[in-house]
Amino acid sequence: MICVVGGNRLKGDVRISGSKNGTLALMAGALLAKGPTILENVPRIGDICTMVEMLRQLGVATRFVTPNSVEIDATEIQSNEAPYELVKKMRASFSVAGPLVARVGYAKVPMPGGCDIGARPVDFHVKGLQTLGAKVSIEHGYVEAEASVLKGADIYLDFPSAGATQHLMTAACLAEGITRIENAALEPEVTELANMLIAMGARITGAGTSTIEIEGVQELHGVRYRVIPDRMEVGTFALAAAMTLGDINLVDAAQEHCTAMFQKLQDAGVQITTTNDVVRVQTNSRPIAVDLKTMPHPGFPTDMQQPFAAMLSLAEGTSIVSENVYERRFKYVNELLRMGADIVQEGRTAIIKGVSKLTGAEVSATDLRAGAALLLAGLAAEGRTDVSSVEHIDRGYEDMVGKLASIGAEIARVHVGPEPLVKTA
Protein backbone atom coordinates (compact mmCIF):
# COMPACT_ATOMS: atom_id res chain seq x y z
CA MET A 1 0.00 0.00 0.00
CA ILE A 2 1.11 3.57 -0.68
CA CYS A 3 -0.17 6.33 1.58
CA VAL A 4 -0.26 9.97 0.52
CA VAL A 5 -1.14 13.04 2.56
CA GLY A 6 -2.12 15.69 0.03
CA GLY A 7 -1.74 19.44 -0.03
CA ASN A 8 2.01 19.86 -0.52
CA ARG A 9 3.28 21.96 -3.42
CA LEU A 10 5.77 19.82 -5.32
CA LYS A 11 8.98 21.53 -6.33
CA GLY A 12 12.39 20.34 -7.52
CA ASP A 13 14.14 18.11 -10.02
CA VAL A 14 13.08 14.64 -11.13
CA ARG A 15 15.26 12.49 -13.37
CA ILE A 16 13.17 10.54 -15.86
CA SER A 17 13.89 6.81 -16.03
CA GLY A 18 14.25 4.78 -19.19
CA SER A 19 11.19 3.79 -21.18
CA LYS A 20 9.32 0.73 -19.91
CA ASN A 21 7.76 -0.10 -23.27
CA GLY A 22 10.94 0.72 -25.12
CA THR A 23 13.09 -1.52 -22.93
CA LEU A 24 10.74 -4.49 -23.21
CA ALA A 25 10.83 -4.32 -27.01
CA LEU A 26 14.63 -4.02 -27.04
CA MET A 27 14.98 -7.00 -24.71
CA ALA A 28 12.88 -9.15 -27.04
CA GLY A 29 14.88 -7.86 -30.00
CA ALA A 30 18.11 -8.92 -28.30
CA LEU A 31 17.04 -12.54 -28.83
CA LEU A 32 17.97 -12.12 -32.50
CA ALA A 33 21.65 -11.52 -31.84
CA LYS A 34 24.60 -13.79 -31.36
CA GLY A 35 26.85 -12.26 -28.74
CA PRO A 36 26.08 -10.04 -25.75
CA THR A 37 23.81 -7.00 -25.96
CA ILE A 38 23.99 -4.45 -23.15
CA LEU A 39 21.02 -2.16 -22.59
CA GLU A 40 21.66 0.99 -20.54
CA ASN A 41 19.21 3.32 -18.75
CA VAL A 42 16.92 0.38 -18.05
CA PRO A 43 14.21 1.15 -15.47
CA ARG A 44 14.31 -1.17 -12.43
CA ILE A 45 10.61 -2.01 -12.39
CA GLY A 46 8.41 -5.06 -12.13
CA ASP A 47 7.89 -5.60 -15.86
CA ILE A 48 11.62 -5.52 -16.60
CA CYS A 49 12.33 -8.06 -13.86
CA THR A 50 9.60 -10.27 -15.34
CA MET A 51 11.21 -10.03 -18.78
CA VAL A 52 14.65 -10.83 -17.34
CA GLU A 53 13.24 -13.97 -15.78
CA MET A 54 11.45 -14.80 -19.04
CA LEU A 55 14.72 -14.70 -20.98
CA ARG A 56 16.45 -16.78 -18.33
CA GLN A 57 13.70 -19.39 -18.59
CA LEU A 58 14.44 -19.55 -22.32
CA GLY A 59 18.02 -20.40 -21.43
CA VAL A 60 19.36 -17.00 -22.48
CA ALA A 61 22.17 -15.64 -20.32
CA THR A 62 20.64 -12.49 -18.80
CA ARG A 63 21.85 -10.41 -15.88
CA PHE A 64 21.80 -6.93 -14.39
CA VAL A 65 25.31 -5.52 -14.88
CA THR A 66 24.38 -2.48 -12.80
CA PRO A 67 21.02 -1.55 -11.23
CA ASN A 68 20.04 0.10 -14.54
CA SER A 69 21.83 -1.91 -17.21
CA VAL A 70 21.08 -5.41 -18.45
CA GLU A 71 23.28 -7.79 -20.41
CA ILE A 72 21.55 -10.31 -22.70
CA ASP A 73 23.56 -12.98 -24.51
CA ALA A 74 21.30 -15.02 -26.80
CA THR A 75 24.12 -16.84 -28.58
CA GLU A 76 22.59 -20.01 -27.17
CA ILE A 77 18.79 -20.34 -26.78
CA GLN A 78 18.09 -23.50 -24.80
CA SER A 79 14.29 -23.43 -24.74
CA ASN A 80 11.64 -22.29 -27.22
CA GLU A 81 8.68 -22.39 -24.83
CA ALA A 82 7.78 -19.34 -22.73
CA PRO A 83 6.41 -20.17 -19.25
CA TYR A 84 2.75 -19.41 -18.60
CA GLU A 85 3.29 -17.94 -15.15
CA LEU A 86 5.42 -15.14 -16.63
CA VAL A 87 3.50 -14.40 -19.82
CA LYS A 88 0.23 -14.07 -17.88
CA LYS A 89 1.78 -11.21 -15.89
CA MET A 90 2.76 -9.03 -18.81
CA ARG A 91 1.53 -8.72 -22.38
CA ALA A 92 4.89 -7.63 -23.78
CA SER A 93 6.39 -11.03 -23.00
CA PHE A 94 4.43 -12.45 -25.97
CA SER A 95 6.86 -10.57 -28.23
CA VAL A 96 9.50 -13.27 -27.78
CA ALA A 97 7.54 -15.49 -30.21
CA GLY A 98 8.73 -13.87 -33.46
CA PRO A 99 12.44 -13.76 -32.54
CA LEU A 100 12.28 -17.40 -31.37
CA VAL A 101 10.78 -18.55 -34.66
CA ALA A 102 13.34 -16.48 -36.58
CA ARG A 103 16.27 -17.90 -34.58
CA VAL A 104 15.32 -21.51 -33.80
CA GLY A 105 12.30 -22.20 -36.00
CA TYR A 106 9.69 -22.77 -33.30
CA ALA A 107 7.99 -20.97 -30.44
CA LYS A 108 5.30 -21.93 -27.96
CA VAL A 109 3.98 -18.92 -26.06
CA PRO A 110 0.89 -18.62 -23.84
CA MET A 111 -1.80 -16.08 -24.65
CA PRO A 112 -0.66 -12.87 -22.89
CA GLY A 113 -1.94 -11.15 -19.77
CA GLY A 114 -1.17 -7.76 -18.21
CA CYS A 115 -3.46 -4.88 -17.24
CA ASP A 116 -7.19 -5.46 -17.72
CA ILE A 117 -7.91 -2.38 -19.83
CA GLY A 118 -9.84 -4.00 -22.66
CA ALA A 119 -9.46 -6.34 -25.59
CA ARG A 120 -5.91 -6.51 -26.92
CA PRO A 121 -6.00 -9.53 -29.21
CA VAL A 122 -2.89 -11.02 -30.71
CA ASP A 123 -4.60 -11.35 -34.10
CA PHE A 124 -2.24 -8.84 -35.75
CA HIS A 125 0.77 -10.70 -34.39
CA VAL A 126 -0.51 -14.11 -35.50
CA LYS A 127 -1.60 -12.98 -38.97
CA GLY A 128 1.73 -11.25 -39.48
CA LEU A 129 3.72 -14.37 -38.57
CA GLN A 130 1.53 -16.42 -40.89
CA THR A 131 2.14 -13.94 -43.69
CA LEU A 132 5.88 -14.42 -43.10
CA GLY A 133 5.40 -18.14 -43.67
CA ALA A 134 5.02 -19.48 -40.14
CA LYS A 135 2.53 -22.24 -39.41
CA VAL A 136 0.57 -20.98 -36.40
CA SER A 137 -1.93 -22.81 -34.20
CA ILE A 138 -3.77 -21.69 -31.07
CA GLU A 139 -4.80 -24.47 -28.69
CA HIS A 140 -5.32 -24.77 -24.94
CA GLY A 141 -4.34 -21.16 -24.36
CA TYR A 142 -1.02 -21.40 -26.21
CA VAL A 143 0.17 -20.01 -29.53
CA GLU A 144 2.54 -22.30 -31.40
CA ALA A 145 4.46 -20.98 -34.39
CA GLU A 146 6.83 -22.96 -36.59
CA ALA A 147 8.87 -22.23 -39.71
CA SER A 148 12.10 -23.68 -41.02
CA VAL A 149 12.72 -20.26 -42.51
CA LEU A 150 10.62 -17.10 -42.58
CA LYS A 151 9.99 -15.42 -45.93
CA GLY A 152 9.70 -11.68 -46.51
CA ALA A 153 6.20 -10.49 -47.37
CA ASP A 154 3.88 -7.47 -47.43
CA ILE A 155 1.99 -7.06 -44.14
CA TYR A 156 -0.89 -4.65 -43.62
CA LEU A 157 -1.97 -3.89 -40.06
CA ASP A 158 -5.67 -3.09 -39.66
CA PHE A 159 -4.68 -0.90 -36.68
CA PRO A 160 -1.28 0.75 -36.14
CA SER A 161 -0.42 -1.38 -33.11
CA ALA A 162 2.97 -0.55 -31.62
CA GLY A 163 3.34 -4.04 -30.16
CA ALA A 164 2.53 -5.80 -33.43
CA THR A 165 4.75 -3.46 -35.44
CA GLN A 166 7.72 -4.10 -33.15
CA HIS A 167 7.09 -7.84 -32.97
CA LEU A 168 6.81 -8.36 -36.73
CA MET A 169 9.77 -6.08 -37.41
CA THR A 170 11.98 -8.29 -35.24
CA ALA A 171 10.71 -11.47 -36.89
CA ALA A 172 11.38 -10.06 -40.37
CA CYS A 173 15.00 -9.16 -39.64
CA LEU A 174 16.15 -12.75 -40.24
CA ALA A 175 13.57 -13.61 -42.92
CA GLU A 176 14.60 -14.29 -46.50
CA GLY A 177 13.80 -11.34 -48.76
CA ILE A 178 12.04 -8.05 -48.13
CA THR A 179 9.17 -7.39 -45.72
CA ARG A 180 7.00 -4.27 -45.85
CA ILE A 181 4.79 -3.38 -42.89
CA GLU A 182 2.01 -1.01 -43.95
CA ASN A 183 0.01 1.12 -41.49
CA ALA A 184 2.87 0.66 -39.05
CA ALA A 185 2.82 2.36 -35.67
CA LEU A 186 4.64 5.69 -35.36
CA GLU A 187 5.59 5.52 -31.67
CA PRO A 188 9.13 6.60 -30.77
CA GLU A 189 9.66 3.17 -29.18
CA VAL A 190 9.20 1.62 -32.63
CA THR A 191 11.88 3.90 -34.07
CA GLU A 192 14.24 3.12 -31.20
CA LEU A 193 13.84 -0.63 -31.71
CA ALA A 194 14.64 -0.15 -35.39
CA ASN A 195 17.71 1.90 -34.49
CA MET A 196 19.01 -0.84 -32.18
CA LEU A 197 18.35 -3.56 -34.75
CA ILE A 198 20.18 -1.52 -37.41
CA ALA A 199 23.13 -1.20 -35.04
CA MET A 200 23.01 -5.01 -34.71
CA GLY A 201 23.30 -5.38 -38.48
CA ALA A 202 19.65 -5.31 -39.62
CA ARG A 203 18.56 -3.49 -42.77
CA ILE A 204 15.52 -1.38 -41.92
CA THR A 205 14.16 1.78 -43.49
CA GLY A 206 11.05 3.85 -42.83
CA ALA A 207 10.76 3.46 -39.05
CA GLY A 208 8.78 6.41 -37.75
CA THR A 209 6.60 6.41 -40.88
CA SER A 210 3.56 4.32 -41.76
CA THR A 211 5.61 2.03 -44.04
CA ILE A 212 8.58 0.11 -42.70
CA GLU A 213 10.76 -1.98 -45.00
CA ILE A 214 13.01 -4.74 -43.69
CA GLU A 215 15.51 -6.61 -45.85
CA GLY A 216 16.36 -9.86 -44.12
CA VAL A 217 19.93 -10.74 -43.19
CA GLN A 218 21.47 -14.05 -42.10
CA GLU A 219 22.74 -12.98 -38.69
CA LEU A 220 22.74 -10.14 -36.16
CA HIS A 221 25.35 -9.29 -33.54
CA GLY A 222 25.17 -7.86 -30.04
CA VAL A 223 25.47 -4.13 -29.32
CA ARG A 224 25.50 -1.64 -26.47
CA TYR A 225 22.40 0.57 -26.59
CA ARG A 226 20.88 3.27 -24.34
CA VAL A 227 17.13 3.23 -23.74
CA ILE A 228 15.16 6.43 -24.44
CA PRO A 229 13.39 8.27 -21.58
CA ASP A 230 9.92 7.12 -20.54
CA ARG A 231 7.44 9.61 -21.99
CA MET A 232 4.64 8.28 -19.75
CA GLU A 233 6.71 9.07 -16.68
CA VAL A 234 7.31 12.54 -18.13
CA GLY A 235 3.56 13.02 -18.45
CA THR A 236 2.85 11.68 -14.97
CA PHE A 237 5.24 14.05 -13.22
CA ALA A 238 4.13 16.96 -15.40
CA LEU A 239 0.58 16.30 -14.17
CA ALA A 240 1.87 16.11 -10.59
CA ALA A 241 3.16 19.66 -10.99
CA ALA A 242 -0.13 20.82 -12.51
CA MET A 243 -2.26 19.26 -9.77
CA THR A 244 -0.22 20.56 -6.83
CA LEU A 245 0.40 24.06 -8.25
CA GLY A 246 3.99 22.99 -8.36
CA ASP A 247 7.23 23.73 -10.17
CA ILE A 248 9.07 20.63 -11.35
CA ASN A 249 12.10 20.23 -13.60
CA LEU A 250 11.97 16.98 -15.57
CA VAL A 251 15.57 15.99 -16.28
CA ASP A 252 16.42 13.73 -19.24
CA ALA A 253 12.95 14.22 -20.71
CA ALA A 254 12.73 13.75 -24.46
CA GLN A 255 10.23 16.55 -25.01
CA GLU A 256 9.93 15.76 -28.73
CA HIS A 257 8.15 12.53 -27.77
CA CYS A 258 5.56 14.33 -25.63
CA THR A 259 4.08 16.93 -27.98
CA ALA A 260 0.42 15.91 -27.64
CA MET A 261 0.60 15.70 -23.83
CA PHE A 262 2.35 19.03 -23.48
CA GLN A 263 -0.10 20.73 -25.84
CA LYS A 264 -3.06 19.59 -23.74
CA LEU A 265 -1.35 20.72 -20.55
CA GLN A 266 -0.72 24.13 -22.05
CA ASP A 267 -4.36 24.29 -23.17
CA ALA A 268 -5.22 23.66 -19.53
CA GLY A 269 -3.17 26.69 -18.48
CA VAL A 270 0.02 24.93 -17.39
CA GLN A 271 3.35 26.59 -18.23
CA ILE A 272 5.94 24.41 -19.98
CA THR A 273 9.41 25.57 -20.93
CA THR A 274 12.28 23.51 -22.33
CA THR A 275 16.03 24.02 -21.99
CA ASN A 276 18.19 21.30 -23.55
CA ASP A 277 17.00 18.02 -21.98
CA VAL A 278 15.18 19.66 -19.04
CA VAL A 279 11.45 20.40 -19.18
CA ARG A 280 10.10 22.79 -16.55
CA VAL A 281 6.43 22.41 -15.65
CA GLN A 282 4.85 25.02 -13.39
CA THR A 283 1.54 26.62 -12.55
CA ASN A 284 0.08 28.87 -9.88
CA SER A 285 -3.58 28.37 -10.65
CA ARG A 286 -6.24 25.71 -10.96
CA PRO A 287 -6.20 24.00 -14.39
CA ILE A 288 -8.76 24.83 -17.07
CA ALA A 289 -11.09 22.15 -18.45
CA VAL A 290 -10.14 20.70 -21.85
CA ASP A 291 -11.59 17.95 -24.04
CA LEU A 292 -9.45 14.93 -24.75
CA LYS A 293 -9.48 12.09 -27.30
CA THR A 294 -6.95 9.26 -27.17
CA MET A 295 -5.41 8.22 -30.47
CA PRO A 296 -2.40 6.26 -31.74
CA HIS A 297 0.83 8.26 -31.78
CA PRO A 298 1.30 11.14 -32.53
CA GLY A 299 -2.15 11.63 -30.99
CA PHE A 300 -2.79 11.81 -27.26
CA PRO A 301 -1.58 8.52 -25.71
CA THR A 302 -4.12 6.20 -24.13
CA ASP A 303 -1.66 5.52 -21.28
CA MET A 304 -2.02 9.14 -20.14
CA GLN A 305 -5.82 9.27 -20.26
CA GLN A 306 -6.33 8.15 -16.67
CA PRO A 307 -3.72 10.43 -15.06
CA PHE A 308 -4.95 13.36 -17.16
CA ALA A 309 -8.53 12.68 -16.05
CA ALA A 310 -7.36 12.94 -12.45
CA MET A 311 -6.15 16.47 -13.19
CA LEU A 312 -9.35 17.36 -15.04
CA SER A 313 -11.37 16.32 -12.00
CA LEU A 314 -9.96 19.46 -10.35
CA ALA A 315 -10.20 21.74 -13.39
CA GLU A 316 -12.43 24.78 -13.80
CA GLY A 317 -15.29 23.75 -16.07
CA THR A 318 -16.42 20.52 -17.68
CA SER A 319 -14.23 18.22 -19.76
CA ILE A 320 -15.15 15.40 -22.13
CA VAL A 321 -12.68 12.53 -22.32
CA SER A 322 -13.06 10.01 -25.16
CA GLU A 323 -11.16 6.72 -25.08
CA ASN A 324 -10.61 5.44 -28.61
CA VAL A 325 -8.07 2.70 -27.97
CA TYR A 326 -9.05 0.47 -25.01
CA GLU A 327 -12.65 0.13 -23.90
CA ARG A 328 -11.99 -0.61 -20.22
CA ARG A 329 -9.74 2.33 -19.47
CA PHE A 330 -12.41 3.85 -17.19
CA LYS A 331 -12.29 1.29 -14.38
CA TYR A 332 -10.60 3.91 -12.20
CA VAL A 333 -13.63 6.24 -12.29
CA ASN A 334 -15.32 4.64 -9.28
CA GLU A 335 -12.15 5.14 -7.25
CA LEU A 336 -11.97 8.86 -8.10
CA LEU A 337 -15.66 9.17 -7.20
CA ARG A 338 -14.75 7.94 -3.71
CA MET A 339 -12.45 10.96 -3.47
CA GLY A 340 -15.18 13.42 -4.44
CA ALA A 341 -14.73 13.66 -8.20
CA ASP A 342 -17.77 14.41 -10.37
CA ILE A 343 -17.48 12.02 -13.34
CA VAL A 344 -20.19 10.42 -15.44
CA GLN A 345 -19.10 7.60 -17.72
CA GLU A 346 -21.06 6.73 -20.83
CA GLY A 347 -19.46 3.91 -22.81
CA ARG A 348 -16.08 5.09 -24.01
CA THR A 349 -16.69 8.67 -22.89
CA ALA A 350 -16.33 10.31 -19.50
CA ILE A 351 -17.87 13.69 -18.67
CA ILE A 352 -15.79 15.30 -15.95
CA LYS A 353 -17.14 18.30 -14.06
CA GLY A 354 -14.28 19.85 -12.17
CA VAL A 355 -14.63 20.17 -8.40
CA SER A 356 -12.85 22.61 -6.11
CA LYS A 357 -11.28 19.86 -4.00
CA LEU A 358 -10.81 16.13 -3.62
CA THR A 359 -10.69 14.38 -0.26
CA GLY A 360 -8.49 11.48 0.76
CA ALA A 361 -9.95 7.98 0.78
CA GLU A 362 -9.07 4.30 0.60
CA VAL A 363 -8.79 3.40 -3.10
CA SER A 364 -7.43 0.55 -5.20
CA ALA A 365 -5.29 0.64 -8.34
CA THR A 366 -7.13 -1.34 -11.03
CA ASP A 367 -4.19 -1.20 -13.46
CA LEU A 368 -0.86 0.53 -13.98
CA ARG A 369 -1.99 3.96 -15.19
CA ALA A 370 -5.07 3.95 -12.97
CA GLY A 371 -2.67 3.57 -10.04
CA ALA A 372 -0.74 6.61 -11.23
CA ALA A 373 -4.01 8.57 -11.53
CA LEU A 374 -4.96 7.74 -7.94
CA LEU A 375 -1.54 8.73 -6.61
CA LEU A 376 -1.85 12.06 -8.42
CA ALA A 377 -5.32 12.58 -6.96
CA GLY A 378 -3.94 11.80 -3.52
CA LEU A 379 -1.20 14.41 -3.91
CA ALA A 380 -3.85 17.09 -4.48
CA ALA A 381 -6.51 15.83 -2.07
CA GLU A 382 -7.27 16.99 1.45
CA GLY A 383 -6.20 14.44 4.01
CA ARG A 384 -4.80 10.95 3.58
CA THR A 385 -5.25 8.64 0.60
CA ASP A 386 -4.38 4.96 0.88
CA VAL A 387 -3.75 3.29 -2.48
CA SER A 388 -3.80 -0.52 -2.48
CA SER A 389 -2.87 -3.02 -5.22
CA VAL A 390 0.27 -1.00 -5.82
CA GLU A 391 1.95 -3.91 -7.59
CA HIS A 392 0.36 -2.40 -10.71
CA ILE A 393 2.25 0.86 -10.11
CA ASP A 394 5.50 -0.99 -9.44
CA ARG A 395 5.20 -2.68 -12.85
CA GLY A 396 5.79 0.61 -14.65
CA TYR A 397 7.30 3.29 -12.41
CA GLU A 398 10.80 3.19 -10.98
CA ASP A 399 10.95 4.35 -7.34
CA MET A 400 7.75 6.37 -7.66
CA VAL A 401 7.51 6.92 -3.91
CA GLY A 402 11.12 8.03 -3.59
CA LYS A 403 10.92 10.43 -6.52
CA LEU A 404 7.73 12.06 -5.24
CA ALA A 405 9.14 12.33 -1.71
CA SER A 406 12.27 14.04 -3.06
CA ILE A 407 10.19 16.93 -4.45
CA GLY A 408 8.08 17.49 -1.36
CA ALA A 409 5.32 14.88 -1.33
CA GLU A 410 4.25 13.43 2.00
CA ILE A 411 4.18 9.85 0.84
CA ALA A 412 5.09 6.47 2.26
CA ARG A 413 4.96 2.82 1.35
CA VAL A 414 3.13 0.80 4.00
CA HIS A 415 3.81 -2.88 4.47
CA VAL A 416 0.43 -4.34 5.38
CA GLY A 417 0.68 -6.43 8.52
CA PRO A 418 2.63 -6.06 11.76
CA GLU A 419 5.46 -4.03 10.23
CA PRO A 420 5.53 -0.28 10.96
CA LEU A 421 5.19 2.51 8.42
CA VAL A 422 8.30 2.72 6.26
CA LYS A 423 9.08 5.95 4.47
CA THR A 424 11.20 6.21 1.35
CA ALA A 425 13.13 9.45 1.12
Foldseek 3Di string as FASTA:
>chain_A
DKKFAAQWFFEEEDEFAFAPVLVLLLLLLLLQAAEKAKEFRAFQFDQVVLLQVQQVVQVWDWDAPDSGMIITHNNDGNHQEGDPVSQQADVSSVLNQLSSCLPPFKHKYFHGHAFPQADDDCVLQVVLQVQQPWDWDADPRIIMTGDPAGAADEGEDPAQDQSSLSSSLSNQQAHAAKHKYAQHFQAVSQVQSVVQQVVQPWDWPDRNHRIIMTHYDNHGHYYYYYGQGHLLVVLLVLLLNQLNQYKYKYASAPVVNCVQSVVVQVVQVWDWDDDDRIIIIGGNDQTAEEEEEDDGPPHHHPLCQLLVLLSNLAHAAKYKYFYDPTFRSCPLVVQQVVQPWDWDDDGRMIIGHHDNATAADEGEQSAQSSQSNQVSNSNNHHGMHHYPPCSRVSNGDRPPQQSSVVRPIPMFDDDPDDDDTDHHD
